[in-house]
């Protein structure tokens, strides 16, 4: 499985995971210029911007910890564009879903409110 296939598969698994928990997937792979939002969902009236990270095997970096400040800034800017485009007026949060593939199968870690937009 190449990196692109791993990423697409992880996004599909994340969407299935969220749907099973009552989330409604609104959009996937939404773009604003070169910036992309992996999944955009609704959970009890709240907009949820989900960054999906995947890894194969036991790597040192935990996927959820790979969403650094630069990546967070890109996600927030794309989310702002999405919110403005759709005139969204309700609460919004930023989650990370880590999908870890290993010999034992697949593990999914969901971190709600994984980060908050930085004021500049």
C-alpha atoms as a PDB file:
ATOM      1  CA  UNK A   1       0.000   0.000   0.000  1.00  0.00           C
ATOM      2  CA  UNK A   2       1.539   3.338  -1.015  1.00  0.00           C
ATOM      3  CA  UNK A   3       1.278   6.557   1.018  1.00  0.00           C
ATOM      4  CA  UNK A   4      -1.589   7.993  -1.069  1.00  0.00           C
ATOM      5  CA  UNK A   5      -3.630   4.783  -0.754  1.00  0.00           C
ATOM      6  CA  UNK A   6      -2.911   4.680   2.979  1.00  0.00           C
ATOM      7  CA  UNK A   7      -4.139   8.268   3.375  1.00  0.00           C
ATOM      8  CA  UNK A   8      -7.324   7.738   1.341  1.00  0.00           C
ATOM      9  CA  UNK A   9      -8.061   4.525   3.219  1.00  0.00           C
ATOM     10  CA  UNK A  10      -7.514   6.277   6.552  1.00  0.00           C
ATOM     11  CA  UNK A  11      -9.942   9.052   5.579  1.00  0.00           C
ATOM     12  CA  UNK A  12     -12.569   6.461   4.629  1.00  0.00           C
ATOM     13  CA  UNK A  13     -12.057   4.616   7.918  1.00  0.00           C
ATOM     14  CA  UNK A  14     -12.276   7.902   9.830  1.00  0.00           C
ATOM     15  CA  UNK A  15     -15.530   8.836   8.058  1.00  0.00           C
ATOM     16  CA  UNK A  16     -17.011   5.405   8.837  1.00  0.00           C
ATOM     17  CA  UNK A  17     -15.889   5.741  12.459  1.00  0.00           C
ATOM     18  CA  UNK A  18     -17.526   9.174  12.777  1.00  0.00           C
ATOM     19  CA  UNK A  19     -20.783   8.079  11.107  1.00  0.00           C
ATOM     20  CA  UNK A  20     -21.012   5.157  13.542  1.00  0.00           C
ATOM     21  CA  UNK A  21     -20.872   7.718  16.354  1.00  0.00           C
ATOM     22  CA  UNK A  22     -23.674   9.837  14.945  1.00  0.00           C
ATOM     23  CA  UNK A  23     -21.677  12.438  13.025  1.00  0.00           C
ATOM     24  CA  UNK A  24     -22.911  13.591   9.641  1.00  0.00           C
ATOM     25  CA  UNK A  25     -20.120  13.924   7.097  1.00  0.00           C
ATOM     26  CA  UNK A  26     -20.736  17.163   5.196  1.00  0.00           C
ATOM     27  CA  UNK A  27     -17.660  17.293   2.939  1.00  0.00           C
ATOM     28  CA  UNK A  28     -14.422  15.441   2.389  1.00  0.00           C
ATOM     29  CA  UNK A  29     -11.209  16.729   0.839  1.00  0.00           C
ATOM     30  CA  UNK A  30     -12.541  20.292   0.616  1.00  0.00           C
ATOM     31  CA  UNK A  31      -9.997  22.698  -0.876  1.00  0.00           C
ATOM     32  CA  UNK A  32      -9.265  26.351  -0.470  1.00  0.00           C
ATOM     33  CA  UNK A  33      -6.419  27.102  -2.843  1.00  0.00           C
ATOM     34  CA  UNK A  34      -3.621  24.693  -1.941  1.00  0.00           C
ATOM     35  CA  UNK A  35      -5.022  24.042   1.526  1.00  0.00           C
ATOM     36  CA  UNK A  36      -7.277  21.045   2.137  1.00  0.00           C
ATOM     37  CA  UNK A  37      -9.637  19.931   4.879  1.00  0.00           C
ATOM     38  CA  UNK A  38      -9.775  16.136   5.144  1.00  0.00           C
ATOM     39  CA  UNK A  39     -13.254  15.781   6.656  1.00  0.00           C
ATOM     40  CA  UNK A  40     -15.914  18.289   7.611  1.00  0.00           C
ATOM     41  CA  UNK A  41     -18.639  16.885   9.812  1.00  0.00           C
ATOM     42  CA  UNK A  42     -21.568  17.989  11.940  1.00  0.00           C
ATOM     43  CA  UNK A  43     -21.862  16.715  15.513  1.00  0.00           C
ATOM     44  CA  UNK A  44     -24.887  17.879  17.508  1.00  0.00           C
ATOM     45  CA  UNK A  45     -25.032  21.165  15.596  1.00  0.00           C
ATOM     46  CA  UNK A  46     -21.300  21.820  15.870  1.00  0.00           C
ATOM     47  CA  UNK A  47     -19.031  22.014  12.823  1.00  0.00           C
ATOM     48  CA  UNK A  48     -16.136  19.586  13.211  1.00  0.00           C
ATOM     49  CA  UNK A  49     -13.027  20.040  11.081  1.00  0.00           C
ATOM     50  CA  UNK A  50     -11.168  16.724  11.137  1.00  0.00           C
ATOM     51  CA  UNK A  51      -7.528  16.246  10.206  1.00  0.00           C
ATOM     52  CA  UNK A  52      -6.830  12.572   9.492  1.00  0.00           C
ATOM     53  CA  UNK A  53      -3.305  11.270  10.009  1.00  0.00           C
ATOM     54  CA  UNK A  54      -2.170   7.744   9.229  1.00  0.00           C
ATOM     55  CA  UNK A  55       0.895   5.631   9.853  1.00  0.00           C
ATOM     56  CA  UNK A  56       1.909   2.104   8.975  1.00  0.00           C
ATOM     57  CA  UNK A  57       3.663   0.090  11.663  1.00  0.00           C
ATOM     58  CA  UNK A  58       5.172   1.213  14.927  1.00  0.00           C
ATOM     59  CA  UNK A  59       6.810   4.520  14.156  1.00  0.00           C
ATOM     60  CA  UNK A  60       8.244   6.856  16.765  1.00  0.00           C
ATOM     61  CA  UNK A  61       5.878   9.714  15.879  1.00  0.00           C
ATOM     62  CA  UNK A  62       2.286   9.299  16.949  1.00  0.00           C
ATOM     63  CA  UNK A  63       0.142  10.524  14.019  1.00  0.00           C
ATOM     64  CA  UNK A  64      -1.870  12.910  16.192  1.00  0.00           C
ATOM     65  CA  UNK A  65       1.351  14.646  17.254  1.00  0.00           C
ATOM     66  CA  UNK A  66       2.358  15.378  13.655  1.00  0.00           C
ATOM     67  CA  UNK A  67      -0.157  18.222  13.313  1.00  0.00           C
ATOM     68  CA  UNK A  68       2.303  21.013  14.037  1.00  0.00           C
ATOM     69  CA  UNK A  69       1.690  24.738  14.194  1.00  0.00           C
ATOM     70  CA  UNK A  70       2.201  25.296  10.468  1.00  0.00           C
ATOM     71  CA  UNK A  71      -0.287  22.536   9.592  1.00  0.00           C
ATOM     72  CA  UNK A  72      -2.720  23.875  12.190  1.00  0.00           C
ATOM     73  CA  UNK A  73      -2.472  27.344  10.630  1.00  0.00           C
ATOM     74  CA  UNK A  74      -3.266  25.918   7.171  1.00  0.00           C
ATOM     75  CA  UNK A  75      -6.248  23.989   8.560  1.00  0.00           C
ATOM     76  CA  UNK A  76      -7.568  27.075  10.356  1.00  0.00           C
ATOM     77  CA  UNK A  77      -7.206  29.240   7.227  1.00  0.00           C
ATOM     78  CA  UNK A  78      -9.017  26.655   5.091  1.00  0.00           C
ATOM     79  CA  UNK A  79     -11.698  26.280   7.778  1.00  0.00           C
ATOM     80  CA  UNK A  80     -12.158  30.054   7.840  1.00  0.00           C
ATOM     81  CA  UNK A  81     -12.686  30.021   4.063  1.00  0.00           C
ATOM     82  CA  UNK A  82     -15.197  27.174   4.407  1.00  0.00           C
ATOM     83  CA  UNK A  83     -17.066  28.919   7.237  1.00  0.00           C
ATOM     84  CA  UNK A  84     -17.277  32.164   5.269  1.00  0.00           C
ATOM     85  CA  UNK A  85     -18.317  30.397   2.061  1.00  0.00           C
ATOM     86  CA  UNK A  86     -21.127  28.532   3.819  1.00  0.00           C
ATOM     87  CA  UNK A  87     -21.975  31.415   6.187  1.00  0.00           C
ATOM     88  CA  UNK A  88     -21.623  29.056   9.166  1.00  0.00           C
ATOM     89  CA  UNK A  89     -22.666  30.767  12.429  1.00  0.00           C
ATOM     90  CA  UNK A  90     -22.514  27.956  14.990  1.00  0.00           C
ATOM     91  CA  UNK A  91     -19.630  26.575  17.065  1.00  0.00           C
ATOM     92  CA  UNK A  92     -16.664  24.955  15.342  1.00  0.00           C
ATOM     93  CA  UNK A  93     -14.006  22.626  16.696  1.00  0.00           C
ATOM     94  CA  UNK A  94     -10.859  21.012  15.348  1.00  0.00           C
ATOM     95  CA  UNK A  95     -10.347  17.271  15.851  1.00  0.00           C
ATOM     96  CA  UNK A  96      -7.602  14.877  14.827  1.00  0.00           C
ATOM     97  CA  UNK A  97      -8.194  11.243  13.980  1.00  0.00           C
ATOM     98  CA  UNK A  98      -5.121   9.038  13.928  1.00  0.00           C
ATOM     99  CA  UNK A  99      -5.361   5.785  11.987  1.00  0.00           C
ATOM    100  CA  UNK A 100      -2.527   3.379  12.758  1.00  0.00           C
ATOM    101  CA  UNK A 101      -2.086   0.307  10.568  1.00  0.00           C
ATOM    102  CA  UNK A 102      -0.027  -2.544  11.979  1.00  0.00           C
ATOM    103  CA  UNK A 103       0.208  -6.339  11.802  1.00  0.00           C
ATOM    104  CA  UNK A 104      -2.611  -6.615  14.351  1.00  0.00           C
ATOM    105  CA  UNK A 105      -5.046  -4.559  12.275  1.00  0.00           C
ATOM    106  CA  UNK A 106      -6.112  -0.942  12.516  1.00  0.00           C
ATOM    107  CA  UNK A 107      -6.281   1.310  15.549  1.00  0.00           C
ATOM    108  CA  UNK A 108      -8.240   4.584  15.519  1.00  0.00           C
ATOM    109  CA  UNK A 109      -7.563   7.378  17.988  1.00  0.00           C
ATOM    110  CA  UNK A 110     -10.009  10.321  18.011  1.00  0.00           C
ATOM    111  CA  UNK A 111      -8.874  13.514  19.710  1.00  0.00           C
ATOM    112  CA  UNK A 112     -11.675  16.047  20.090  1.00  0.00           C
ATOM    113  CA  UNK A 113     -10.625  19.697  20.371  1.00  0.00           C
ATOM    114  CA  UNK A 114      -7.111  18.656  19.378  1.00  0.00           C
ATOM    115  CA  UNK A 115      -6.115  22.284  18.892  1.00  0.00           C
ATOM    116  CA  UNK A 116      -7.581  25.763  18.974  1.00  0.00           C
ATOM    117  CA  UNK A 117      -7.123  28.573  16.436  1.00  0.00           C
ATOM    118  CA  UNK A 118      -4.292  30.912  17.371  1.00  0.00           C
ATOM    119  CA  UNK A 119      -5.019  34.625  17.539  1.00  0.00           C
ATOM    120  CA  UNK A 120      -2.552  36.601  15.425  1.00  0.00           C
END
